[in-house]
Amino acid sequence: MAADRTRLRNDMLIASTLVVAGVAIAVLSLHAINAAPPQEIAQATQPLQGTPMPEPQKTTAPAESKPGGERPTTPAPQPARPDDEAQKAGAKPALPPAPAEKTAPPLEKK
């Protein structure tokens, strides 16, 4: 009977020590969080600022669009594989030739 009381007393002492240690760690952690200076949040881009609109000048109305009108004047992009004449003239293809296993047989015309 005395052994049971001693065993219970030791268990209660260990349990209360663990609870006190846990509370102490929690208090110290909260104190460290509150003691640190507040961190500022970094902003990736500058905030947008309104720019004053320039006074509109007298402009003519845009031309009406017509079906079949002129195409843009920018030059067309060059093909990845220049034609045979261009290759003979010295133009190099932009892409390397396809590997043999990825080359398909020619299509049959119907």
PDB file of N, CA and C in Angstrom:
ATOM      1  N   MET A   1       0.815  -1.182   0.000  1.00  0.00           N
ATOM      2  CA  MET A   1       0.000   0.000   0.000  1.00  0.00           C
ATOM      3  C   MET A   1       0.871   1.264   0.000  1.00  0.00           C
ATOM      4  N   ALA A   2       1.922   1.262   0.752  1.00  0.00           N
ATOM      5  CA  ALA A   2       2.822   2.396   0.798  1.00  0.00           C
ATOM      6  C   ALA A   2       3.566   2.525  -0.522  1.00  0.00           C
ATOM      7  N   ALA A   3       3.832   1.391  -1.154  1.00  0.00           N
ATOM      8  CA  ALA A   3       4.529   1.413  -2.439  1.00  0.00           C
ATOM      9  C   ALA A   3       3.639   2.043  -3.514  1.00  0.00           C
ATOM     10  N   ASP A   4       2.318   1.745  -3.426  1.00  0.00           N
ATOM     11  CA  ASP A   4       1.400   2.337  -4.392  1.00  0.00           C
ATOM     12  C   ASP A   4       1.329   3.855  -4.227  1.00  0.00           C
ATOM     13  N   ARG A   5       1.333   4.301  -2.972  1.00  0.00           N
ATOM     14  CA  ARG A   5       1.280   5.755  -2.726  1.00  0.00           C
ATOM     15  C   ARG A   5       2.554   6.426  -3.224  1.00  0.00           C
ATOM     16  N   THR A   6       3.693   5.808  -3.010  1.00  0.00           N
ATOM     17  CA  THR A   6       4.960   6.376  -3.451  1.00  0.00           C
ATOM     18  C   THR A   6       5.004   6.435  -4.984  1.00  0.00           C
ATOM     19  N   ARG A   7       4.535   5.351  -5.586  1.00  0.00           N
ATOM     20  CA  ARG A   7       4.516   5.306  -7.063  1.00  0.00           C
ATOM     21  C   ARG A   7       3.590   6.392  -7.615  1.00  0.00           C
ATOM     22  N   LEU A   8       2.404   6.573  -7.030  1.00  0.00           N
ATOM     23  CA  LEU A   8       1.453   7.601  -7.470  1.00  0.00           C
ATOM     24  C   LEU A   8       2.039   8.995  -7.261  1.00  0.00           C
ATOM     25  N   ARG A   9       2.724   9.179  -6.135  1.00  0.00           N
ATOM     26  CA  ARG A   9       3.320  10.482  -5.845  1.00  0.00           C
ATOM     27  C   ARG A   9       4.402  10.819  -6.874  1.00  0.00           C
ATOM     28  N   ASN A  10       5.239   9.858  -7.216  1.00  0.00           N
ATOM     29  CA  ASN A  10       6.285  10.096  -8.215  1.00  0.00           C
ATOM     30  C   ASN A  10       5.671  10.397  -9.590  1.00  0.00           C
ATOM     31  N   ASP A  11       4.629   9.654  -9.963  1.00  0.00           N
ATOM     32  CA  ASP A  11       3.970   9.894 -11.249  1.00  0.00           C
ATOM     33  C   ASP A  11       3.352  11.290 -11.300  1.00  0.00           C
ATOM     34  N   MET A  12       2.721  11.705 -10.218  1.00  0.00           N
ATOM     35  CA  MET A  12       2.120  13.041 -10.171  1.00  0.00           C
ATOM     36  C   MET A  12       3.203  14.129 -10.211  1.00  0.00           C
ATOM     37  N   LEU A  13       4.325  13.883  -9.581  1.00  0.00           N
ATOM     38  CA  LEU A  13       5.428  14.844  -9.601  1.00  0.00           C
ATOM     39  C   LEU A  13       5.988  14.983 -11.026  1.00  0.00           C
ATOM     40  N   ILE A  14       6.154  13.873 -11.722  1.00  0.00           N
ATOM     41  CA  ILE A  14       6.663  13.917 -13.092  1.00  0.00           C
ATOM     42  C   ILE A  14       5.646  14.614 -14.004  1.00  0.00           C
ATOM     43  N   ALA A  15       4.377  14.301 -13.856  1.00  0.00           N
ATOM     44  CA  ALA A  15       3.339  14.905 -14.695  1.00  0.00           C
ATOM     45  C   ALA A  15       3.260  16.412 -14.458  1.00  0.00           C
ATOM     46  N   SER A  16       3.272  16.822 -13.210  1.00  0.00           N
ATOM     47  CA  SER A  16       3.184  18.263 -12.930  1.00  0.00           C
ATOM     48  C   SER A  16       4.431  18.992 -13.417  1.00  0.00           C
ATOM     49  N   THR A  17       5.600  18.351 -13.354  1.00  0.00           N
ATOM     50  CA  THR A  17       6.828  18.966 -13.859  1.00  0.00           C
ATOM     51  C   THR A  17       6.740  19.165 -15.369  1.00  0.00           C
ATOM     52  N   LEU A  18       6.213  18.163 -16.090  1.00  0.00           N
ATOM     53  CA  LEU A  18       6.063  18.286 -17.537  1.00  0.00           C
ATOM     54  C   LEU A  18       5.063  19.378 -17.909  1.00  0.00           C
ATOM     55  N   VAL A  19       3.970  19.497 -17.164  1.00  0.00           N
ATOM     56  CA  VAL A  19       2.982  20.545 -17.445  1.00  0.00           C
ATOM     57  C   VAL A  19       3.595  21.924 -17.204  1.00  0.00           C
ATOM     58  N   VAL A  20       4.313  22.094 -16.109  1.00  0.00           N
ATOM     59  CA  VAL A  20       4.944  23.382 -15.814  1.00  0.00           C
ATOM     60  C   VAL A  20       5.981  23.718 -16.890  1.00  0.00           C
ATOM     61  N   ALA A  21       6.752  22.735 -17.335  1.00  0.00           N
ATOM     62  CA  ALA A  21       7.760  22.986 -18.377  1.00  0.00           C
ATOM     63  C   ALA A  21       7.075  23.399 -19.681  1.00  0.00           C
ATOM     64  N   GLY A  22       5.953  22.763 -20.036  1.00  0.00           N
ATOM     65  CA  GLY A  22       5.222  23.136 -21.249  1.00  0.00           C
ATOM     66  C   GLY A  22       4.678  24.546 -21.185  1.00  0.00           C
ATOM     67  N   VAL A  23       4.112  24.912 -20.045  1.00  0.00           N
ATOM     68  CA  VAL A  23       3.585  26.268 -19.880  1.00  0.00           C
ATOM     69  C   VAL A  23       4.725  27.289 -19.944  1.00  0.00           C
ATOM     70  N   ALA A  24       5.868  26.966 -19.340  1.00  0.00           N
ATOM     71  CA  ALA A  24       7.005  27.886 -19.373  1.00  0.00           C
ATOM     72  C   ALA A  24       7.499  28.084 -20.808  1.00  0.00           C
ATOM     73  N   ILE A  25       7.577  27.019 -21.594  1.00  0.00           N
ATOM     74  CA  ILE A  25       8.016  27.141 -22.989  1.00  0.00           C
ATOM     75  C   ILE A  25       7.030  27.986 -23.786  1.00  0.00           C
ATOM     76  N   ALA A  26       5.720  27.785 -23.551  1.00  0.00           N
ATOM     77  CA  ALA A  26       4.715  28.574 -24.268  1.00  0.00           C
ATOM     78  C   ALA A  26       4.821  30.051 -23.907  1.00  0.00           C
ATOM     79  N   VAL A  27       5.026  30.359 -22.632  1.00  0.00           N
ATOM     80  CA  VAL A  27       5.144  31.750 -22.201  1.00  0.00           C
ATOM     81  C   VAL A  27       6.394  32.392 -22.801  1.00  0.00           C
ATOM     82  N   LEU A  28       7.508  31.681 -22.791  1.00  0.00           N
ATOM     83  CA  LEU A  28       8.736  32.226 -23.365  1.00  0.00           C
ATOM     84  C   LEU A  28       8.586  32.442 -24.875  1.00  0.00           C
ATOM     85  N   SER A  29       7.895  31.541 -25.564  1.00  0.00           N
ATOM     86  CA  SER A  29       7.694  31.706 -27.003  1.00  0.00           C
ATOM     87  C   SER A  29       6.834  32.924 -27.300  1.00  0.00           C
ATOM     88  N   LEU A  30       5.761  33.090 -26.550  1.00  0.00           N
ATOM     89  CA  LEU A  30       4.895  34.262 -26.752  1.00  0.00           C
ATOM     90  C   LEU A  30       5.648  35.553 -26.443  1.00  0.00           C
ATOM     91  N   HIS A  31       6.487  35.520 -25.422  1.00  0.00           N
ATOM     92  CA  HIS A  31       7.277  36.707 -25.084  1.00  0.00           C
ATOM     93  C   HIS A  31       8.259  37.033 -26.214  1.00  0.00           C
ATOM     94  N   ALA A  32       8.873  36.010 -26.815  1.00  0.00           N
ATOM     95  CA  ALA A  32       9.820  36.237 -27.914  1.00  0.00           C
ATOM     96  C   ALA A  32       9.101  36.789 -29.146  1.00  0.00           C
ATOM     97  N   ILE A  33       7.888  36.323 -29.389  1.00  0.00           N
ATOM     98  CA  ILE A  33       7.126  36.819 -30.539  1.00  0.00           C
ATOM     99  C   ILE A  33       6.764  38.293 -30.331  1.00  0.00           C
ATOM    100  N   ASN A  34       6.348  38.638 -29.150  1.00  0.00           N
ATOM    101  CA  ASN A  34       5.955  40.022 -28.871  1.00  0.00           C
ATOM    102  C   ASN A  34       7.161  40.949 -28.769  1.00  0.00           C
ATOM    103  N   ALA A  35       8.332  40.433 -28.399  1.00  0.00           N
ATOM    104  CA  ALA A  35       9.512  41.276 -28.241  1.00  0.00           C
ATOM    105  C   ALA A  35      10.140  41.625 -29.585  1.00  0.00           C
ATOM    106  N   ALA A  36       9.934  40.797 -30.603  1.00  0.00           N
ATOM    107  CA  ALA A  36      10.539  41.054 -31.909  1.00  0.00           C
ATOM    108  C   ALA A  36       9.852  42.257 -32.558  1.00  0.00           C
ATOM    109  N   PRO A  37      10.613  43.091 -33.273  1.00  0.00           N
ATOM    110  CA  PRO A  37       9.978  44.230 -33.942  1.00  0.00           C
ATOM    111  C   PRO A  37       9.047  43.733 -35.042  1.00  0.00           C
ATOM    112  N   PRO A  38       7.974  44.436 -35.279  1.00  0.00           N
ATOM    113  CA  PRO A  38       7.042  43.971 -36.312  1.00  0.00           C
ATOM    114  C   PRO A  38       7.696  44.014 -37.685  1.00  0.00           C
ATOM    115  N   GLN A  39       7.450  42.991 -38.467  1.00  0.00           N
ATOM    116  CA  GLN A  39       8.031  42.917 -39.796  1.00  0.00           C
ATOM    117  C   GLN A  39       7.135  43.627 -40.787  1.00  0.00           C
ATOM    118  N   GLU A  40       7.765  44.319 -41.727  1.00  0.00           N
ATOM    119  CA  GLU A  40       6.999  44.994 -42.757  1.00  0.00           C
ATOM    120  C   GLU A  40       6.859  44.068 -43.949  1.00  0.00           C
ATOM    121  N   ILE A  41       5.723  44.123 -44.575  1.00  0.00           N
ATOM    122  CA  ILE A  41       5.474  43.281 -45.735  1.00  0.00           C
ATOM    123  C   ILE A  41       6.053  43.969 -46.959  1.00  0.00           C
ATOM    124  N   ALA A  42       6.867  43.249 -47.707  1.00  0.00           N
ATOM    125  CA  ALA A  42       7.476  43.801 -48.914  1.00  0.00           C
ATOM    126  C   ALA A  42       6.458  43.768 -50.049  1.00  0.00           C
ATOM    127  N   GLN A  43       6.467  44.800 -50.845  1.00  0.00           N
ATOM    128  CA  GLN A  43       5.560  44.874 -51.977  1.00  0.00           C
ATOM    129  C   GLN A  43       6.386  44.671 -53.245  1.00  0.00           C
ATOM    130  N   ALA A  44       5.934  43.770 -54.117  1.00  0.00           N
ATOM    131  CA  ALA A  44       6.710  43.396 -55.289  1.00  0.00           C
ATOM    132  C   ALA A  44       6.814  44.539 -56.297  1.00  0.00           C
ATOM    133  N   THR A  45       5.744  45.235 -56.525  1.00  0.00           N
ATOM    134  CA  THR A  45       5.765  46.317 -57.506  1.00  0.00           C
ATOM    135  C   THR A  45       5.346  47.610 -56.830  1.00  0.00           C
ATOM    136  N   GLN A  46       5.752  48.694 -57.424  1.00  0.00           N
ATOM    137  CA  GLN A  46       5.356  49.985 -56.886  1.00  0.00           C
ATOM    138  C   GLN A  46       3.859  50.182 -57.107  1.00  0.00           C
ATOM    139  N   PRO A  47       3.190  50.839 -56.198  1.00  0.00           N
ATOM    140  CA  PRO A  47       1.767  51.079 -56.408  1.00  0.00           C
ATOM    141  C   PRO A  47       1.558  51.986 -57.623  1.00  0.00           C
ATOM    142  N   LEU A  48       0.472  51.751 -58.299  1.00  0.00           N
ATOM    143  CA  LEU A  48       0.176  52.541 -59.485  1.00  0.00           C
ATOM    144  C   LEU A  48      -0.167  53.968 -59.095  1.00  0.00           C
ATOM    145  N   GLN A  49       0.365  54.897 -59.832  1.00  0.00           N
ATOM    146  CA  GLN A  49       0.067  56.295 -59.580  1.00  0.00           C
ATOM    147  C   GLN A  49      -0.653  56.842 -60.800  1.00  0.00           C
ATOM    148  N   GLY A  50      -1.642  57.622 -60.560  1.00  0.00           N
ATOM    149  CA  GLY A  50      -2.379  58.213 -61.664  1.00  0.00           C
ATOM    150  C   GLY A  50      -1.540  59.265 -62.365  1.00  0.00           C
ATOM    151  N   THR A  51      -1.435  59.162 -63.672  1.00  0.00           N
ATOM    152  CA  THR A  51      -0.692  60.155 -64.426  1.00  0.00           C
ATOM    153  C   THR A  51      -1.690  61.120 -65.043  1.00  0.00           C
ATOM    154  N   PRO A  52      -1.356  62.375 -65.061  1.00  0.00           N
ATOM    155  CA  PRO A  52      -2.299  63.320 -65.651  1.00  0.00           C
ATOM    156  C   PRO A  52      -2.433  63.070 -67.143  1.00  0.00           C
ATOM    157  N   MET A  53      -3.652  63.092 -67.616  1.00  0.00           N
ATOM    158  CA  MET A  53      -3.909  62.881 -69.036  1.00  0.00           C
ATOM    159  C   MET A  53      -3.555  64.155 -69.795  1.00  0.00           C
ATOM    160  N   PRO A  54      -2.807  64.024 -70.888  1.00  0.00           N
ATOM    161  CA  PRO A  54      -2.547  65.220 -71.695  1.00  0.00           C
ATOM    162  C   PRO A  54      -3.843  65.640 -72.382  1.00  0.00           C
ATOM    163  N   GLU A  55      -3.912  66.929 -72.615  1.00  0.00           N
ATOM    164  CA  GLU A  55      -5.133  67.416 -73.249  1.00  0.00           C
ATOM    165  C   GLU A  55      -5.213  66.850 -74.658  1.00  0.00           C
ATOM    166  N   PRO A  56      -6.366  66.329 -75.027  1.00  0.00           N
ATOM    167  CA  PRO A  56      -6.475  65.726 -76.357  1.00  0.00           C
ATOM    168  C   PRO A  56      -6.322  66.776 -77.443  1.00  0.00           C
ATOM    169  N   GLN A  57      -5.528  66.409 -78.440  1.00  0.00           N
ATOM    170  CA  GLN A  57      -5.341  67.313 -79.558  1.00  0.00           C
ATOM    171  C   GLN A  57      -6.426  67.026 -80.587  1.00  0.00           C
ATOM    172  N   LYS A  58      -6.596  67.963 -81.475  1.00  0.00           N
ATOM    173  CA  LYS A  58      -7.598  67.751 -82.500  1.00  0.00           C
ATOM    174  C   LYS A  58      -7.081  66.685 -83.459  1.00  0.00           C
ATOM    175  N   THR A  59      -7.743  65.558 -83.466  1.00  0.00           N
ATOM    176  CA  THR A  59      -7.339  64.467 -84.349  1.00  0.00           C
ATOM    177  C   THR A  59      -8.503  64.114 -85.250  1.00  0.00           C
ATOM    178  N   THR A  60      -8.156  63.562 -86.362  1.00  0.00           N
ATOM    179  CA  THR A  60      -9.204  63.146 -87.281  1.00  0.00           C
ATOM    180  C   THR A  60      -9.725  61.790 -86.836  1.00  0.00           C
ATOM    181  N   ALA A  61     -10.912  61.475 -87.255  1.00  0.00           N
ATOM    182  CA  ALA A  61     -11.511  60.198 -86.898  1.00  0.00           C
ATOM    183  C   ALA A  61     -10.732  59.081 -87.597  1.00  0.00           C
ATOM    184  N   PRO A  62     -10.653  57.916 -86.987  1.00  0.00           N
ATOM    185  CA  PRO A  62      -9.934  56.825 -87.634  1.00  0.00           C
ATOM    186  C   PRO A  62     -10.637  56.406 -88.918  1.00  0.00           C
ATOM    187  N   ALA A  63      -9.840  55.904 -89.830  1.00  0.00           N
ATOM    188  CA  ALA A  63     -10.404  55.494 -91.114  1.00  0.00           C
ATOM    189  C   ALA A  63     -11.317  54.289 -90.910  1.00  0.00           C
ATOM    190  N   GLU A  64     -12.337  54.217 -91.739  1.00  0.00           N
ATOM    191  CA  GLU A  64     -13.268  53.096 -91.637  1.00  0.00           C
ATOM    192  C   GLU A  64     -12.585  51.835 -92.143  1.00  0.00           C
ATOM    193  N   SER A  65     -12.871  50.758 -91.464  1.00  0.00           N
ATOM    194  CA  SER A  65     -12.288  49.499 -91.918  1.00  0.00           C
ATOM    195  C   SER A  65     -13.149  48.925 -93.032  1.00  0.00           C
ATOM    196  N   LYS A  66     -12.483  48.426 -94.045  1.00  0.00           N
ATOM    197  CA  LYS A  66     -13.191  47.871 -95.192  1.00  0.00           C
ATOM    198  C   LYS A  66     -12.795  46.415 -95.354  1.00  0.00           C
ATOM    199  N   PRO A  67     -13.744  45.567 -95.709  1.00  0.00           N
ATOM    200  CA  PRO A  67     -13.364  44.176 -95.958  1.00  0.00           C
ATOM    201  C   PRO A  67     -12.420  44.105 -97.151  1.00  0.00           C
ATOM    202  N   GLY A  68     -11.401  43.312 -97.037  1.00  0.00           N
ATOM    203  CA  GLY A  68     -10.431  43.180 -98.116  1.00  0.00           C
ATOM    204  C   GLY A  68      -9.497  44.358 -98.200  1.00  0.00           C
ATOM    205  N   GLY A  69      -9.341  45.103 -97.113  1.00  0.00           N
ATOM    206  CA  GLY A  69      -8.471  46.273 -97.113  1.00  0.00           C
ATOM    207  C   GLY A  69      -7.012  45.880 -97.098  1.00  0.00           C
ATOM    208  N   GLU A  70      -6.160  46.836 -96.888  1.00  0.00           N
ATOM    209  CA  GLU A  70      -4.723  46.591 -96.903  1.00  0.00           C
ATOM    210  C   GLU A  70      -4.296  45.796 -95.677  1.00  0.00           C
ATOM    211  N   ARG A  71      -3.297  44.996 -95.878  1.00  0.00           N
ATOM    212  CA  ARG A  71      -2.738  44.211 -94.785  1.00  0.00           C
ATOM    213  C   ARG A  71      -1.684  45.036 -94.063  1.00  0.00           C
ATOM    214  N   PRO A  72      -1.305  44.637 -92.878  1.00  0.00           N
ATOM    215  CA  PRO A  72      -0.247  45.362 -92.169  1.00  0.00           C
ATOM    216  C   PRO A  72       1.041  45.364 -92.986  1.00  0.00           C
ATOM    217  N   THR A  73       1.800  46.400 -92.807  1.00  0.00           N
ATOM    218  CA  THR A  73       3.018  46.550 -93.602  1.00  0.00           C
ATOM    219  C   THR A  73       4.223  45.907 -92.947  1.00  0.00           C
ATOM    220  N   THR A  74       4.063  45.313 -91.783  1.00  0.00           N
ATOM    221  CA  THR A  74       5.218  44.683 -91.137  1.00  0.00           C
ATOM    222  C   THR A  74       5.638  43.471 -91.953  1.00  0.00           C
ATOM    223  N   PRO A  75       6.916  43.195 -92.035  1.00  0.00           N
ATOM    224  CA  PRO A  75       7.342  42.049 -92.847  1.00  0.00           C
ATOM    225  C   PRO A  75       6.875  40.738 -92.213  1.00  0.00           C
ATOM    226  N   ALA A  76       6.559  39.787 -93.065  1.00  0.00           N
ATOM    227  CA  ALA A  76       6.107  38.481 -92.583  1.00  0.00           C
ATOM    228  C   ALA A  76       7.281  37.748 -91.945  1.00  0.00           C
ATOM    229  N   PRO A  77       7.028  36.892 -90.966  1.00  0.00           N
ATOM    230  CA  PRO A  77       8.131  36.153 -90.348  1.00  0.00           C
ATOM    231  C   PRO A  77       8.740  35.174 -91.344  1.00  0.00           C
ATOM    232  N   GLN A  78      10.017  34.930 -91.193  1.00  0.00           N
ATOM    233  CA  GLN A  78      10.713  34.015 -92.088  1.00  0.00           C
ATOM    234  C   GLN A  78      10.333  32.575 -91.762  1.00  0.00           C
ATOM    235  N   PRO A  79      10.236  31.704 -92.755  1.00  0.00           N
ATOM    236  CA  PRO A  79       9.886  30.310 -92.476  1.00  0.00           C
ATOM    237  C   PRO A  79      11.030  29.607 -91.761  1.00  0.00           C
ATOM    238  N   ALA A  80      10.690  28.560 -91.001  1.00  0.00           N
ATOM    239  CA  ALA A  80      11.716  27.813 -90.272  1.00  0.00           C
ATOM    240  C   ALA A  80      12.620  27.062 -91.231  1.00  0.00           C
ATOM    241  N   ARG A  81      12.087  26.605 -92.353  1.00  0.00           N
ATOM    242  CA  ARG A  81      12.876  25.912 -93.367  1.00  0.00           C
ATOM    243  C   ARG A  81      12.778  26.693 -94.669  1.00  0.00           C
ATOM    244  N   PRO A  82      13.844  27.370 -95.067  1.00  0.00           N
ATOM    245  CA  PRO A  82      13.784  28.116 -96.322  1.00  0.00           C
ATOM    246  C   PRO A  82      13.666  27.170 -97.518  1.00  0.00           C
ATOM    247  N   ASP A  83      13.148  27.692 -98.601  1.00  0.00           N
ATOM    248  CA  ASP A  83      12.975  26.857 -99.790  1.00  0.00           C
ATOM    249  C   ASP A  83      14.341  26.468-100.365  1.00  0.00           C
ATOM    250  N   ASP A  84      14.324  25.571-101.336  1.00  0.00           N
ATOM    251  CA  ASP A  84      15.576  25.029-101.881  1.00  0.00           C
ATOM    252  C   ASP A  84      16.468  26.109-102.479  1.00  0.00           C
ATOM    253  N   GLU A  85      15.879  27.056-103.183  1.00  0.00           N
ATOM    254  CA  GLU A  85      16.679  28.112-103.813  1.00  0.00           C
ATOM    255  C   GLU A  85      17.383  28.955-102.751  1.00  0.00           C
ATOM    256  N   ALA A  86      16.668  29.258-101.678  1.00  0.00           N
ATOM    257  CA  ALA A  86      17.282  30.059-100.617  1.00  0.00           C
ATOM    258  C   ALA A  86      18.392  29.278 -99.932  1.00  0.00           C
ATOM    259  N   GLN A  87      18.207  27.965 -99.774  1.00  0.00           N
ATOM    260  CA  GLN A  87      19.261  27.161 -99.153  1.00  0.00           C
ATOM    261  C   GLN A  87      20.500  27.112-100.038  1.00  0.00           C
ATOM    262  N   LYS A  88      20.284  27.049-101.351  1.00  0.00           N
ATOM    263  CA  LYS A  88      21.421  27.048-102.266  1.00  0.00           C
ATOM    264  C   LYS A  88      22.156  28.383-102.208  1.00  0.00           C
ATOM    265  N   ALA A  89      21.396  29.475-101.942  1.00  0.00           N
ATOM    266  CA  ALA A  89      21.999  30.799-101.862  1.00  0.00           C
ATOM    267  C   ALA A  89      22.747  31.002-100.548  1.00  0.00           C
ATOM    268  N   GLY A  90      22.570  30.082 -99.600  1.00  0.00           N
ATOM    269  CA  GLY A  90      23.326  30.197 -98.355  1.00  0.00           C
ATOM    270  C   GLY A  90      22.471  30.368 -97.111  1.00  0.00           C
ATOM    271  N   ALA A  91      21.154  30.373 -97.239  1.00  0.00           N
ATOM    272  CA  ALA A  91      20.308  30.516 -96.058  1.00  0.00           C
ATOM    273  C   ALA A  91      20.315  29.211 -95.277  1.00  0.00           C
ATOM    274  N   LYS A  92      20.466  29.322 -93.977  1.00  0.00           N
ATOM    275  CA  LYS A  92      20.483  28.125 -93.137  1.00  0.00           C
ATOM    276  C   LYS A  92      19.110  27.954 -92.491  1.00  0.00           C
ATOM    277  N   PRO A  93      18.648  26.707 -92.348  1.00  0.00           N
ATOM    278  CA  PRO A  93      17.363  26.494 -91.679  1.00  0.00           C
ATOM    279  C   PRO A  93      17.470  26.870 -90.203  1.00  0.00           C
ATOM    280  N   ALA A  94      16.348  27.376 -89.675  1.00  0.00           N
ATOM    281  CA  ALA A  94      16.333  27.781 -88.265  1.00  0.00           C
ATOM    282  C   ALA A  94      16.268  26.573 -87.350  1.00  0.00           C
ATOM    283  N   LEU A  95      15.717  25.463 -87.838  1.00  0.00           N
ATOM    284  CA  LEU A  95      15.587  24.256 -87.034  1.00  0.00           C
ATOM    285  C   LEU A  95      16.473  23.166 -87.608  1.00  0.00           C
ATOM    286  N   PRO A  96      17.012  22.289 -86.757  1.00  0.00           N
ATOM    287  CA  PRO A  96      17.798  21.172 -87.279  1.00  0.00           C
ATOM    288  C   PRO A  96      16.867  20.158 -87.949  1.00  0.00           C
ATOM    289  N   PRO A  97      17.402  19.292 -88.803  1.00  0.00           N
ATOM    290  CA  PRO A  97      16.537  18.303 -89.445  1.00  0.00           C
ATOM    291  C   PRO A  97      15.948  17.348 -88.417  1.00  0.00           C
ATOM    292  N   ALA A  98      14.754  16.851 -88.711  1.00  0.00           N
ATOM    293  CA  ALA A  98      14.073  15.950 -87.789  1.00  0.00           C
ATOM    294  C   ALA A  98      14.777  14.608 -87.760  1.00  0.00           C
ATOM    295  N   PRO A  99      14.802  13.941 -86.595  1.00  0.00           N
ATOM    296  CA  PRO A  99      15.410  12.616 -86.530  1.00  0.00           C
ATOM    297  C   PRO A  99      14.628  11.643 -87.409  1.00  0.00           C
ATOM    298  N   ALA A 100      15.292  10.570 -87.842  1.00  0.00           N
ATOM    299  CA  ALA A 100      14.686   9.636 -88.779  1.00  0.00           C
ATOM    300  C   ALA A 100      13.429   8.991 -88.219  1.00  0.00           C
ATOM    301  N   GLU A 101      13.409   8.687 -86.922  1.00  0.00           N
ATOM    302  CA  GLU A 101      12.236   8.015 -86.365  1.00  0.00           C
ATOM    303  C   GLU A 101      11.022   8.937 -86.269  1.00  0.00           C
ATOM    304  N   LYS A 102      11.217  10.239 -86.404  1.00  0.00           N
ATOM    305  CA  LYS A 102      10.099  11.165 -86.317  1.00  0.00           C
ATOM    306  C   LYS A 102       9.669  11.668 -87.693  1.00  0.00           C
ATOM    307  N   THR A 103      10.273  11.172 -88.732  1.00  0.00           N
ATOM    308  CA  THR A 103       9.916  11.585 -90.073  1.00  0.00           C
ATOM    309  C   THR A 103       8.835  10.644 -90.589  1.00  0.00           C
ATOM    310  N   ALA A 104       7.741  11.187 -91.033  1.00  0.00           N
ATOM    311  CA  ALA A 104       6.624  10.372 -91.518  1.00  0.00           C
ATOM    312  C   ALA A 104       6.756  10.177 -93.025  1.00  0.00           C
ATOM    313  N   PRO A 105       6.171   9.114 -93.563  1.00  0.00           N
ATOM    314  CA  PRO A 105       6.192   8.935 -95.018  1.00  0.00           C
ATOM    315  C   PRO A 105       5.347  10.039 -95.670  1.00  0.00           C
ATOM    316  N   PRO A 106       5.606  10.339 -96.937  1.00  0.00           N
ATOM    317  CA  PRO A 106       4.838  11.387 -97.602  1.00  0.00           C
ATOM    318  C   PRO A 106       3.360  11.016 -97.703  1.00  0.00           C
ATOM    319  N   LEU A 107       2.509  12.041 -97.697  1.00  0.00           N
ATOM    320  CA  LEU A 107       1.054  11.820 -97.783  1.00  0.00           C
ATOM    321  C   LEU A 107       0.677  11.472 -99.219  1.00  0.00           C
ATOM    322  N   GLU A 108      -0.271  10.577 -99.338  1.00  0.00           N
ATOM    323  CA  GLU A 108      -0.768  10.195-100.660  1.00  0.00           C
ATOM    324  C   GLU A 108      -1.835  11.188-101.092  1.00  0.00           C
ATOM    325  N   LYS A 109      -1.798  11.583-102.331  1.00  0.00           N
ATOM    326  CA  LYS A 109      -2.813  12.497-102.845  1.00  0.00           C
ATOM    327  C   LYS A 109      -4.023  11.703-103.267  1.00  0.00           C
ATOM    328  N   LYS A 110      -5.181  12.226-102.983  1.00  0.00           N
ATOM    329  CA  LYS A 110      -6.426  11.526-103.320  1.00  0.00           C
ATOM    330  C   LYS A 110      -7.032  12.075-104.564  1.00  0.00           C
TER     331      LYS A 110
END
